[in-house]
Amino acid sequence: MDLRTLLFSIFVLSIVNCQSDFKQLTDIVSSNYNNSTEIQQNLNTSVILPTTLQNLCTICSCGLNFVNCTQRNLNNTFEDAQWPKQPIVEISFRKNKLVHIKPFPSVVIEKLILRQNQITHIDNSAFKKIINLTELDLSHNELTTENLKPQVFEGRFSPEAYEPLSKLTKLNLANNALHALDQDLFEHVPSLKVLILNGNPLKMVEGHTTLAINSLPYLEELDISFCDLDELPKHIFYKPRYLKKLVLNGNRFNEIPKALARATAVESLSLDENPIKIINRLNAFPLMPNLKELNLCCMPDLIEIGSESFSKLIGLEILRIQNCPLLKKIDENALKKEMAVWPPLKILDLSDNALRYLPSQLVGRWDRLEELDLMNNEWSCDCNNQYLINSLLPHHGKRLMGEEVNELKCNSPLEYSKQNLMSLANKKLHCFDIYESHSSKIGVLHIGVVVGLLFIILLSLAIIILYQRGYFILCSSRGAATYSRAFYKRTSNDYDI
């Protein structure tokens, strides 16, 4: 083979190899491209769904069972596609700028918190698609009586009617602008057990509001504190026969509401911050056989708790009368019923009042008491507190009050001022009057005053008699004739000459 033929053969082989390599390279590139496209498609497929679901979670903080959208400057509650599909135990939209609440999508939420927004309007059936909603918080918004209608709480529609939100058991409407309630407001939430209305300007609980509350037969807890109320309708507790907790704090009650006579199932009652002045047999608590806890705290006008105030509260276990700056006296028969029957009291809090004495008969069995708070009162360390200082505190003080018992101080008399009550346990305490004088000295002083007054009276009478008889004429400058006339007596007309 000549040289030219050899070179031509090599050239041809090179071209063939290059084409083969190029084809392989093309196949590899094509394959890589297809794989890359497929991977990208797969990647897009796997990302699109989470990206849609995570839109809510990119703005809010999402946990395993909760979503926190607090203070996210939101003015809506997201579109349907933005919500996660997994069940949510609690979701909070606190402190946002929500004004108008539109219907929620079909999601599982147990507790929905919409408090501290500016909500003025809620669409009909806004919550009907929510699955398993048990608690709804709409407090601290701007809802009015006119805007809050029964249709807001409509459930799913059936051929017969709207089904109720049967699992909703707690509704918080506190601190809105409700001056009354629509009488049918709760027709779609018949299973409500807790209703919170505090801080609304109700002022009076009249017809429609009473009917609304009476439409909740299973209600267990009602809070109508700080609603500017001065009385309650007599029949307001006629239907809620399972009512266990009643909060009436911060209203304008001047006496114990008569309507409580029908709240016979109530176990806990609070009347804090009401302007009641005196509680006694004329203004006593009615028969509430199941009442176990009573709170009468922060009452600025309360000055006295008289006899039989709590005598009909036969099941009372916890009594708190705290932070009443004018309260100076609690009668020893305040709790006692006839035939010397006391309630089974376990906790007694009398702290931060102006009490001077603790009656020995206030509690039937001090040894059965479990907690006692007597701090920050004006205790008088005299014979009228002999039981408190010489018996109750030494025997039960540490058990009932712990180390705080050593902080109880005498407010009067000056002799014992600021001394620890426990340090006087073995002393015989004197009796003192309001001027903090010993009773023995008082007796001597009283006798001296009486004797002095009698002496002055007798002396005055003697002077008057002597003056009438002319005795003081003797001391005058007149002569003997005047003296004679002073003792002259006229002869009787009957004198026989």
Protein backbone atom coordinates (compact mmCIF):
# COMPACT_ATOMS: atom_id res chain seq x y z
CA MET A 1 0.00 0.00 0.00
CA ASP A 2 1.35 3.36 -1.02
CA LEU A 3 1.60 6.29 1.27
CA ARG A 4 -1.42 8.15 -0.13
CA THR A 5 -3.69 5.18 0.32
CA LEU A 6 -2.54 4.78 3.93
CA LEU A 7 -3.19 8.45 4.78
CA PHE A 8 -6.67 8.34 3.20
CA SER A 9 -7.61 5.26 5.25
CA ILE A 10 -6.49 6.94 8.47
CA PHE A 11 -8.52 10.07 7.61
CA VAL A 12 -11.66 8.04 6.93
CA LEU A 13 -11.31 6.11 10.20
CA SER A 14 -10.84 9.33 12.12
CA ILE A 15 -14.02 10.81 10.66
CA VAL A 16 -15.99 7.67 11.55
CA ASN A 17 -14.67 7.66 15.15
CA CYS A 18 -15.45 11.34 15.54
CA GLN A 19 -19.00 10.81 14.35
CA SER A 20 -19.36 7.90 16.76
CA ASP A 21 -17.97 9.93 19.67
CA PHE A 22 -20.16 12.87 18.73
CA LYS A 23 -23.22 10.62 18.64
CA GLN A 24 -22.35 9.21 22.05
CA LEU A 25 -21.79 12.69 23.39
CA THR A 26 -25.08 13.80 21.87
CA ASP A 27 -26.86 10.85 23.43
CA ILE A 28 -25.32 11.59 26.81
CA VAL A 29 -26.26 15.26 26.62
CA SER A 30 -29.75 14.39 25.47
CA SER A 31 -30.08 11.84 28.22
CA ASN A 32 -28.82 14.29 30.81
CA TYR A 33 -31.19 16.94 29.51
CA ASN A 34 -34.14 14.57 29.66
CA ASN A 35 -33.16 13.49 33.17
CA SER A 36 -32.74 17.10 34.21
CA THR A 37 -36.13 18.00 32.75
CA GLU A 38 -37.71 15.02 34.47
CA ILE A 39 -36.02 15.88 37.74
CA GLN A 40 -37.11 19.50 37.40
CA GLN A 41 -40.65 18.38 36.64
CA ASN A 42 -40.57 16.05 39.61
CA LEU A 43 -39.09 18.81 41.70
CA ASN A 44 -41.76 21.22 40.56
CA THR A 45 -44.41 18.63 41.27
CA SER A 46 -43.11 18.05 44.79
CA VAL A 47 -42.68 21.77 45.54
CA ILE A 48 -45.86 23.28 44.11
CA LEU A 49 -48.18 21.65 46.68
CA PRO A 50 -46.06 22.44 49.74
CA THR A 51 -45.47 25.99 48.49
CA THR A 52 -49.23 26.50 48.30
CA LEU A 53 -49.79 24.99 51.74
CA GLN A 54 -46.90 26.79 53.32
CA ASN A 55 -48.08 30.23 52.31
CA LEU A 56 -49.83 30.52 55.65
CA CYS A 57 -46.86 29.07 57.48
CA THR A 58 -44.40 31.39 55.76
CA ILE A 59 -46.21 34.31 57.38
CA CYS A 60 -47.28 32.64 60.63
CA SER A 61 -45.50 30.35 63.02
CA CYS A 62 -46.64 26.77 62.53
CA GLY A 63 -46.08 23.96 64.99
CA LEU A 64 -47.20 20.38 65.13
CA ASN A 65 -50.77 21.17 66.20
CA PHE A 66 -50.90 24.95 66.38
CA VAL A 67 -50.60 28.03 64.18
CA ASN A 68 -49.65 31.42 65.62
CA CYS A 69 -50.52 34.42 63.45
CA THR A 70 -50.33 36.96 66.28
CA GLN A 71 -49.29 40.49 65.29
CA ARG A 72 -48.65 39.75 61.62
CA ASN A 73 -50.41 42.90 60.34
CA LEU A 74 -53.06 40.73 58.64
CA ASN A 75 -56.31 42.11 57.24
CA ASN A 76 -57.70 38.73 56.13
CA THR A 77 -57.60 35.10 57.23
CA PHE A 78 -56.05 33.70 54.00
CA GLU A 79 -57.54 32.01 50.94
CA ASP A 80 -58.71 28.41 51.02
CA ALA A 81 -55.68 27.04 49.13
CA GLN A 82 -53.25 28.65 51.57
CA TRP A 83 -54.44 26.67 54.58
CA PRO A 84 -52.62 23.53 55.70
CA LYS A 85 -54.49 20.26 55.44
CA GLN A 86 -53.37 18.80 58.75
CA PRO A 87 -55.63 19.27 61.83
CA ILE A 88 -55.02 22.34 63.98
CA VAL A 89 -55.68 22.25 67.69
CA GLU A 90 -55.33 26.03 68.08
CA ILE A 91 -54.86 28.94 65.70
CA SER A 92 -54.48 32.52 66.89
CA PHE A 93 -55.04 35.73 64.90
CA ARG A 94 -54.56 38.03 67.91
CA LYS A 95 -53.61 41.69 67.45
CA ASN A 96 -54.05 42.01 63.71
CA LYS A 97 -56.15 44.35 61.57
CA LEU A 98 -59.09 42.09 60.82
CA VAL A 99 -62.32 43.98 60.23
CA HIS A 100 -64.45 41.66 58.10
CA ILE A 101 -64.53 37.90 58.73
CA LYS A 102 -65.39 35.82 55.65
CA PRO A 103 -66.27 32.12 55.70
CA PHE A 104 -63.42 29.81 56.67
CA PRO A 105 -62.51 26.81 54.47
CA SER A 106 -63.05 23.17 55.37
CA VAL A 107 -60.26 22.74 57.90
CA VAL A 108 -60.01 20.98 61.24
CA ILE A 109 -59.68 23.58 64.02
CA GLU A 110 -60.54 23.02 67.66
CA LYS A 111 -59.80 26.50 69.04
CA LEU A 112 -60.05 29.64 66.89
CA ILE A 113 -58.80 32.91 68.44
CA LEU A 114 -59.76 36.19 66.74
CA ARG A 115 -59.40 38.51 69.73
CA GLN A 116 -57.92 42.03 69.77
CA ASN A 117 -58.74 43.00 66.20
CA GLN A 118 -61.20 45.57 64.84
CA ILE A 119 -63.89 43.13 63.71
CA THR A 120 -67.20 44.82 62.99
CA HIS A 121 -68.79 42.34 60.59
CA ILE A 122 -68.93 38.54 60.33
CA ASP A 123 -70.49 36.86 57.30
CA ASN A 124 -73.36 34.44 57.73
CA SER A 125 -72.20 30.83 58.18
CA ALA A 126 -68.63 32.05 58.61
CA PHE A 127 -67.69 29.01 60.70
CA LYS A 128 -69.91 26.29 59.24
CA LYS A 129 -67.15 24.50 57.27
CA ILE A 130 -64.75 24.34 60.20
CA ILE A 131 -64.56 20.79 61.46
CA ASN A 132 -64.49 20.10 65.20
CA LEU A 133 -64.69 23.75 66.34
CA THR A 134 -65.13 23.67 70.11
CA GLU A 135 -63.92 27.11 71.22
CA LEU A 136 -64.33 30.51 69.54
CA ASP A 137 -62.79 33.72 70.89
CA LEU A 138 -64.18 36.96 69.43
CA SER A 139 -63.31 39.16 72.41
CA HIS A 140 -61.83 42.68 72.27
CA ASN A 141 -63.35 43.62 68.94
CA GLU A 142 -66.02 46.08 67.80
CA LEU A 143 -69.04 43.83 67.37
CA THR A 144 -72.40 45.49 67.94
CA THR A 145 -75.85 44.13 68.71
CA GLU A 146 -76.99 45.06 65.21
CA ASN A 147 -74.11 43.24 63.47
CA LEU A 148 -73.96 40.08 65.56
CA LYS A 149 -76.86 37.99 64.28
CA PRO A 150 -77.81 34.32 64.78
CA GLN A 151 -76.91 33.51 61.16
CA VAL A 152 -73.23 34.08 61.98
CA PHE A 153 -73.20 30.75 63.82
CA GLU A 154 -75.14 28.73 61.24
CA GLY A 155 -73.84 25.22 60.64
CA ARG A 156 -73.96 23.07 57.53
CA PHE A 157 -77.14 23.16 55.50
CA SER A 158 -79.46 20.19 55.36
CA PRO A 159 -82.82 19.91 53.52
CA GLU A 160 -84.67 20.67 56.76
CA ALA A 161 -82.57 23.48 58.25
CA TYR A 162 -79.09 24.64 59.11
CA GLU A 163 -77.38 22.16 61.35
CA PRO A 164 -75.97 23.57 64.57
CA LEU A 165 -72.34 24.04 65.43
CA SER A 166 -72.90 21.17 67.77
CA LYS A 167 -69.35 20.91 69.12
CA LEU A 168 -68.95 24.60 70.00
CA THR A 169 -68.98 24.69 73.81
CA LYS A 170 -67.14 27.95 74.62
CA LEU A 171 -67.87 31.38 73.16
CA ASN A 172 -66.03 34.51 74.25
CA LEU A 173 -67.69 37.81 73.29
CA ALA A 174 -66.02 39.93 75.98
CA ASN A 175 -65.15 43.60 75.50
CA ASN A 176 -67.17 44.33 72.40
CA ALA A 177 -69.89 46.97 71.93
CA LEU A 178 -72.93 44.80 72.72
CA HIS A 179 -75.71 46.67 74.53
CA ALA A 180 -78.06 43.67 74.24
CA LEU A 181 -78.24 40.19 72.71
CA ASP A 182 -80.52 39.02 69.92
CA GLN A 183 -82.99 36.64 71.54
CA ASP A 184 -82.13 33.94 68.94
CA LEU A 185 -78.39 34.59 68.93
CA PHE A 186 -77.53 31.12 70.24
CA GLU A 187 -80.08 29.05 68.33
CA HIS A 188 -77.30 27.43 66.26
CA VAL A 189 -75.01 26.76 69.24
CA PRO A 190 -77.26 24.87 71.66
CA SER A 191 -74.37 23.01 73.29
CA LEU A 192 -72.67 26.09 74.71
CA LYS A 193 -71.32 25.52 78.22
CA VAL A 194 -69.23 28.67 78.66
CA LEU A 195 -70.43 32.17 77.70
CA ILE A 196 -68.24 35.20 78.42
CA LEU A 197 -69.83 38.63 78.03
CA ASN A 198 -67.78 40.75 80.42
CA GLY A 199 -66.87 44.29 79.45
CA ASN A 200 -69.90 44.91 77.22
CA PRO A 201 -72.10 47.98 77.92
CA LEU A 202 -75.25 45.98 78.65
CA LYS A 203 -76.35 48.26 81.54
CA MET A 204 -79.60 46.31 81.82
CA VAL A 205 -80.34 42.65 81.21
CA GLU A 206 -83.82 42.87 79.74
CA GLY A 207 -86.20 40.77 77.64
CA HIS A 208 -84.18 39.72 74.58
CA THR A 209 -80.93 39.28 76.47
CA THR A 210 -82.67 37.22 79.16
CA LEU A 211 -84.30 35.04 76.49
CA ALA A 212 -80.93 34.52 74.78
CA ILE A 213 -79.29 33.35 78.03
CA ASN A 214 -82.29 31.19 78.90
CA SER A 215 -82.00 29.46 75.52
CA LEU A 216 -78.80 27.74 76.73
CA PRO A 217 -80.00 24.85 78.88
CA TYR A 218 -76.52 23.32 79.25
CA LEU A 219 -74.74 26.53 80.24
CA GLU A 220 -72.23 25.89 83.04
CA GLU A 221 -70.28 29.15 83.21
CA LEU A 222 -71.53 32.72 82.72
CA ASP A 223 -69.40 35.86 83.00
CA ILE A 224 -71.31 39.15 82.94
CA SER A 225 -68.82 41.19 84.91
CA PHE A 226 -68.09 44.86 84.21
CA CYS A 227 -71.34 45.24 82.24
CA ASP A 228 -72.58 48.27 84.23
CA LEU A 229 -75.45 46.28 85.78
CA ASP A 230 -77.28 47.38 88.93
CA GLU A 231 -79.81 44.53 89.04
CA LEU A 232 -80.67 41.19 87.45
CA PRO A 233 -84.06 39.98 86.22
CA LYS A 234 -85.71 37.58 88.63
CA HIS A 235 -85.95 34.78 86.05
CA ILE A 236 -82.57 35.11 84.35
CA PHE A 237 -81.38 31.80 85.82
CA TYR A 238 -84.61 29.91 85.34
CA LYS A 239 -83.51 27.73 82.39
CA PRO A 240 -79.71 27.32 82.85
CA ARG A 241 -80.17 24.72 85.57
CA TYR A 242 -76.61 23.40 85.26
CA LEU A 243 -74.95 26.77 85.82
CA LYS A 244 -71.93 26.14 88.08
CA LYS A 245 -69.84 29.30 87.81
CA LEU A 246 -71.23 32.84 87.87
CA VAL A 247 -69.03 35.96 87.65
CA LEU A 248 -70.68 39.31 88.49
CA ASN A 249 -67.57 41.39 89.22
CA GLY A 250 -67.29 45.11 88.65
CA ASN A 251 -70.97 45.99 88.31
CA ARG A 252 -73.14 48.45 90.29
CA PHE A 253 -74.93 46.11 92.69
CA ASN A 254 -75.78 47.83 95.98
CA GLU A 255 -77.22 44.66 97.47
CA ILE A 256 -77.08 40.93 96.94
CA PRO A 257 -79.08 40.25 93.72
CA LYS A 258 -82.40 38.55 94.48
CA ALA A 259 -82.09 36.57 91.23
CA LEU A 260 -79.46 34.39 92.91
CA ALA A 261 -82.29 32.55 94.64
CA ARG A 262 -82.87 30.66 91.36
CA ALA A 263 -79.19 29.92 90.76
CA THR A 264 -79.37 26.88 92.99
CA ALA A 265 -76.79 24.84 91.05
CA VAL A 266 -74.05 27.50 91.21
CA GLU A 267 -70.85 26.29 92.88
CA SER A 268 -68.66 29.37 92.41
CA LEU A 269 -69.84 32.98 92.73
CA SER A 270 -67.81 36.21 92.42
CA LEU A 271 -69.12 39.65 93.39
CA ASP A 272 -65.79 41.46 93.48
CA GLU A 273 -65.62 45.24 92.97
CA ASN A 274 -69.29 45.98 93.61
CA PRO A 275 -70.43 48.96 95.77
CA ILE A 276 -72.23 46.89 98.42
CA LYS A 277 -71.91 48.59 101.83
CA ILE A 278 -73.46 46.21 104.34
CA ILE A 279 -74.33 42.53 104.24
CA ASN A 280 -76.62 41.33 107.03
CA ARG A 281 -79.81 39.37 107.62
CA LEU A 282 -81.80 41.98 105.67
CA ASN A 283 -79.42 41.77 102.72
CA ALA A 284 -78.17 38.21 103.06
CA PHE A 285 -77.33 35.61 100.47
CA PRO A 286 -80.33 33.42 99.57
CA LEU A 287 -80.34 29.66 99.88
CA MET A 288 -77.65 28.38 97.49
CA PRO A 289 -77.13 24.80 98.67
CA ASN A 290 -74.40 23.92 96.15
CA LEU A 291 -72.28 27.06 96.51
CA LYS A 292 -68.73 26.09 97.49
CA GLU A 293 -66.74 29.21 96.64
CA LEU A 294 -67.66 32.86 97.30
CA ASN A 295 -65.46 35.85 96.42
CA LEU A 296 -66.11 39.32 97.86
CA CYS A 297 -62.84 41.07 97.05
CA CYS A 298 -61.83 44.67 96.28
CA MET A 299 -65.13 46.12 97.50
CA PRO A 300 -64.36 49.78 98.28
CA ASP A 301 -67.61 50.55 100.18
CA LEU A 302 -68.06 47.39 102.26
CA ILE A 303 -67.96 48.38 105.96
CA GLU A 304 -69.68 45.53 107.78
CA ILE A 305 -70.68 41.91 107.50
CA GLY A 306 -73.46 41.27 109.96
CA SER A 307 -75.25 38.35 111.52
CA GLU A 308 -76.61 35.60 109.23
CA SER A 309 -75.01 37.10 106.11
CA PHE A 310 -73.90 33.66 104.86
CA SER A 311 -76.02 31.38 107.04
CA LYS A 312 -77.92 29.92 104.06
CA LEU A 313 -74.75 28.94 102.21
CA ILE A 314 -74.72 25.55 103.83
CA GLY A 315 -72.09 24.00 101.53
CA LEU A 316 -69.56 26.85 101.52
CA GLU A 317 -65.93 25.68 101.49
CA ILE A 318 -63.99 28.73 100.25
CA LEU A 319 -64.66 32.30 101.42
CA ARG A 320 -62.54 35.20 100.23
CA ILE A 321 -63.23 38.65 101.67
CA GLN A 322 -60.11 40.46 100.62
CA ASN A 323 -58.89 44.01 99.98
CA CYS A 324 -61.93 45.82 101.40
CA PRO A 325 -60.28 48.90 102.99
CA LEU A 326 -63.33 49.99 105.05
CA LEU A 327 -64.30 46.58 106.40
CA LYS A 328 -63.81 46.75 110.18
CA LYS A 329 -66.25 44.17 111.50
CA ILE A 330 -67.39 40.65 110.78
CA ASP A 331 -70.10 39.39 113.11
CA GLU A 332 -69.40 36.11 114.87
CA ASN A 333 -72.76 34.80 113.60
CA ALA A 334 -72.11 35.72 109.96
CA LEU A 335 -71.70 32.08 108.92
CA LYS A 336 -73.59 30.29 111.64
CA LYS A 337 -77.04 28.89 111.05
CA GLU A 338 -79.63 28.26 113.74
CA MET A 339 -78.82 25.41 116.11
CA ALA A 340 -75.13 26.33 115.81
CA VAL A 341 -74.54 24.80 112.37
CA TRP A 342 -71.62 26.13 110.33
CA PRO A 343 -70.73 25.39 106.68
CA PRO A 344 -67.76 23.03 106.05
CA LEU A 345 -65.31 25.88 105.48
CA LYS A 346 -61.82 24.89 104.28
CA ILE A 347 -60.26 28.14 103.04
CA LEU A 348 -60.79 31.56 104.66
CA ASP A 349 -59.06 34.66 103.24
CA LEU A 350 -59.56 37.87 105.23
CA SER A 351 -56.41 39.66 104.10
CA ASP A 352 -55.98 43.36 103.29
CA ASN A 353 -59.00 44.69 105.18
CA ALA A 354 -59.35 46.96 108.23
CA LEU A 355 -60.39 44.23 110.69
CA ARG A 356 -59.52 44.75 114.38
CA TYR A 357 -60.98 41.55 115.83
CA LEU A 358 -61.50 37.95 114.71
CA PRO A 359 -64.54 36.41 116.45
CA SER A 360 -63.81 33.05 118.04
CA GLN A 361 -67.17 31.66 116.87
CA LEU A 362 -66.85 32.80 113.24
CA VAL A 363 -65.75 29.32 112.12
CA GLY A 364 -67.28 26.34 113.88
CA ARG A 365 -64.22 24.09 113.74
CA TRP A 366 -60.95 25.95 113.26
CA ASP A 367 -59.12 22.63 113.36
CA ARG A 368 -60.88 21.60 110.12
CA LEU A 369 -59.76 24.72 108.29
CA GLU A 370 -57.03 24.09 105.70
CA GLU A 371 -55.93 27.63 104.77
CA LEU A 372 -56.20 30.98 106.54
CA ASP A 373 -54.96 34.43 105.51
CA LEU A 374 -55.16 37.29 108.01
CA MET A 375 -52.40 39.51 106.62
CA ASN A 376 -52.55 43.31 106.45
CA ASN A 377 -55.35 44.13 108.86
CA GLU A 378 -55.54 46.51 111.84
CA TRP A 379 -55.41 43.90 114.60
CA SER A 380 -55.98 45.16 118.10
CA CYS A 381 -53.95 43.30 120.71
CA ASP A 382 -56.34 43.52 123.65
CA CYS A 383 -58.58 41.17 125.62
CA ASN A 384 -61.19 41.07 122.83
CA ASN A 385 -58.64 39.26 120.65
CA GLN A 386 -57.65 36.83 123.37
CA TYR A 387 -58.80 33.81 121.35
CA LEU A 388 -56.91 34.84 118.22
CA ILE A 389 -53.65 35.58 120.00
CA ASN A 390 -53.64 33.03 122.81
CA SER A 391 -55.34 30.07 121.17
CA LEU A 392 -55.89 30.09 117.40
CA LEU A 393 -52.46 31.28 116.26
CA PRO A 394 -50.38 29.21 118.72
CA HIS A 395 -52.29 26.01 117.92
CA HIS A 396 -53.07 26.37 114.21
CA GLY A 397 -51.14 29.40 112.92
CA LYS A 398 -48.20 27.60 111.30
CA ARG A 399 -50.41 24.93 109.77
CA LEU A 400 -52.87 27.43 108.29
CA MET A 401 -50.59 30.34 107.38
CA GLY A 402 -47.07 28.94 107.20
CA GLU A 403 -44.29 31.41 107.96
CA GLU A 404 -46.60 34.36 107.26
CA VAL A 405 -48.06 33.90 110.73
CA ASN A 406 -44.88 35.53 112.08
CA GLU A 407 -45.62 38.67 110.08
CA LEU A 408 -48.94 39.46 111.76
CA LYS A 409 -48.52 42.74 113.65
CA CYS A 410 -50.49 44.63 116.29
CA ASN A 411 -51.91 47.93 115.09
CA SER A 412 -53.08 48.99 118.55
CA PRO A 413 -52.72 49.80 121.42
CA LEU A 414 -49.54 51.87 121.40
CA GLU A 415 -48.16 49.59 124.08
CA TYR A 416 -47.98 46.70 121.56
CA SER A 417 -47.88 48.58 118.27
CA LYS A 418 -45.92 46.73 115.56
CA GLN A 419 -45.33 43.74 117.83
CA ASN A 420 -45.83 40.27 116.45
CA LEU A 421 -49.10 38.67 117.51
CA MET A 422 -47.36 35.37 118.12
CA SER A 423 -45.00 37.02 120.65
CA LEU A 424 -47.98 37.90 122.87
CA ALA A 425 -49.33 34.37 123.06
CA ASN A 426 -48.48 33.89 126.74
CA LYS A 427 -49.47 37.34 127.95
CA LYS A 428 -52.70 38.33 129.62
CA LEU A 429 -54.04 41.05 127.40
CA HIS A 430 -55.66 44.12 128.94
CA CYS A 431 -58.93 45.63 127.80
CA PHE A 432 -58.65 49.03 126.19
CA ASP A 433 -61.08 51.68 125.10
CA ILE A 434 -60.84 53.70 121.92
CA TYR A 435 -58.33 55.98 123.65
CA GLU A 436 -56.20 52.94 124.51
CA SER A 437 -56.55 53.37 128.28
CA HIS A 438 -56.60 50.43 130.71
CA SER A 439 -60.09 49.40 131.79
CA SER A 440 -59.11 49.62 135.52
CA LYS A 441 -58.03 53.19 135.03
CA ILE A 442 -61.19 53.85 133.08
CA GLY A 443 -63.27 52.58 136.03
CA VAL A 444 -61.53 54.87 138.54
CA LEU A 445 -61.86 57.80 136.18
CA HIS A 446 -65.55 57.14 135.61
CA ILE A 447 -66.20 56.88 139.37
CA GLY A 448 -64.32 60.14 139.98
CA VAL A 449 -66.31 61.90 137.29
CA VAL A 450 -69.63 60.64 138.69
CA VAL A 451 -68.73 61.63 142.29
CA GLY A 452 -67.62 65.04 141.12
CA LEU A 453 -70.84 65.61 139.23
CA LEU A 454 -72.93 64.57 142.26
CA PHE A 455 -70.97 66.91 144.49
CA ILE A 456 -71.51 69.81 142.12
CA ILE A 457 -75.23 69.07 141.88
CA LEU A 458 -75.65 68.88 145.69
CA LEU A 459 -73.64 72.03 146.20
CA SER A 460 -75.73 73.86 143.64
CA LEU A 461 -78.97 72.76 145.31
CA ALA A 462 -77.67 73.86 148.72
CA ILE A 463 -76.75 77.28 147.38
CA ILE A 464 -80.17 77.71 145.78
CA ILE A 465 -82.00 76.75 149.02
CA LEU A 466 -79.85 79.04 151.15
CA TYR A 467 -80.36 81.85 148.71
CA GLN A 468 -84.12 81.41 148.81
CA ARG A 469 -84.01 81.54 152.61
CA GLY A 470 -82.05 84.79 152.52
CA TYR A 471 -78.84 83.39 153.93
CA PHE A 472 -76.72 85.50 151.63
CA ILE A 473 -78.38 88.67 152.91
CA LEU A 474 -76.30 88.27 156.05
CA CYS A 475 -73.31 89.15 154.04
CA SER A 476 -74.86 92.37 152.74
CA SER A 477 -74.27 95.86 154.12
CA ARG A 478 -77.85 96.30 155.38
CA GLY A 479 -78.71 96.75 159.10
CA ALA A 480 -80.28 94.63 161.86
CA ALA A 481 -83.78 95.30 160.66
CA THR A 482 -82.98 93.69 157.39
CA TYR A 483 -81.54 90.73 159.28
CA SER A 484 -84.71 90.43 161.36
CA ARG A 485 -86.93 90.55 158.33
CA ALA A 486 -84.94 87.74 156.80
CA PHE A 487 -86.22 85.39 159.52
CA TYR A 488 -89.66 86.94 159.98
CA LYS A 489 -92.70 84.70 159.51
CA ARG A 490 -96.17 86.00 159.00
CA THR A 491 -98.69 84.95 161.70
CA SER A 492 -101.21 82.43 160.54
CA ASN A 493 -104.77 83.62 159.96
CA ASP A 494 -105.98 80.74 162.09
CA TYR A 495 -104.19 81.90 165.25
CA ASP A 496 -106.64 82.03 168.13
CA ILE A 497 -106.27 85.34 169.97
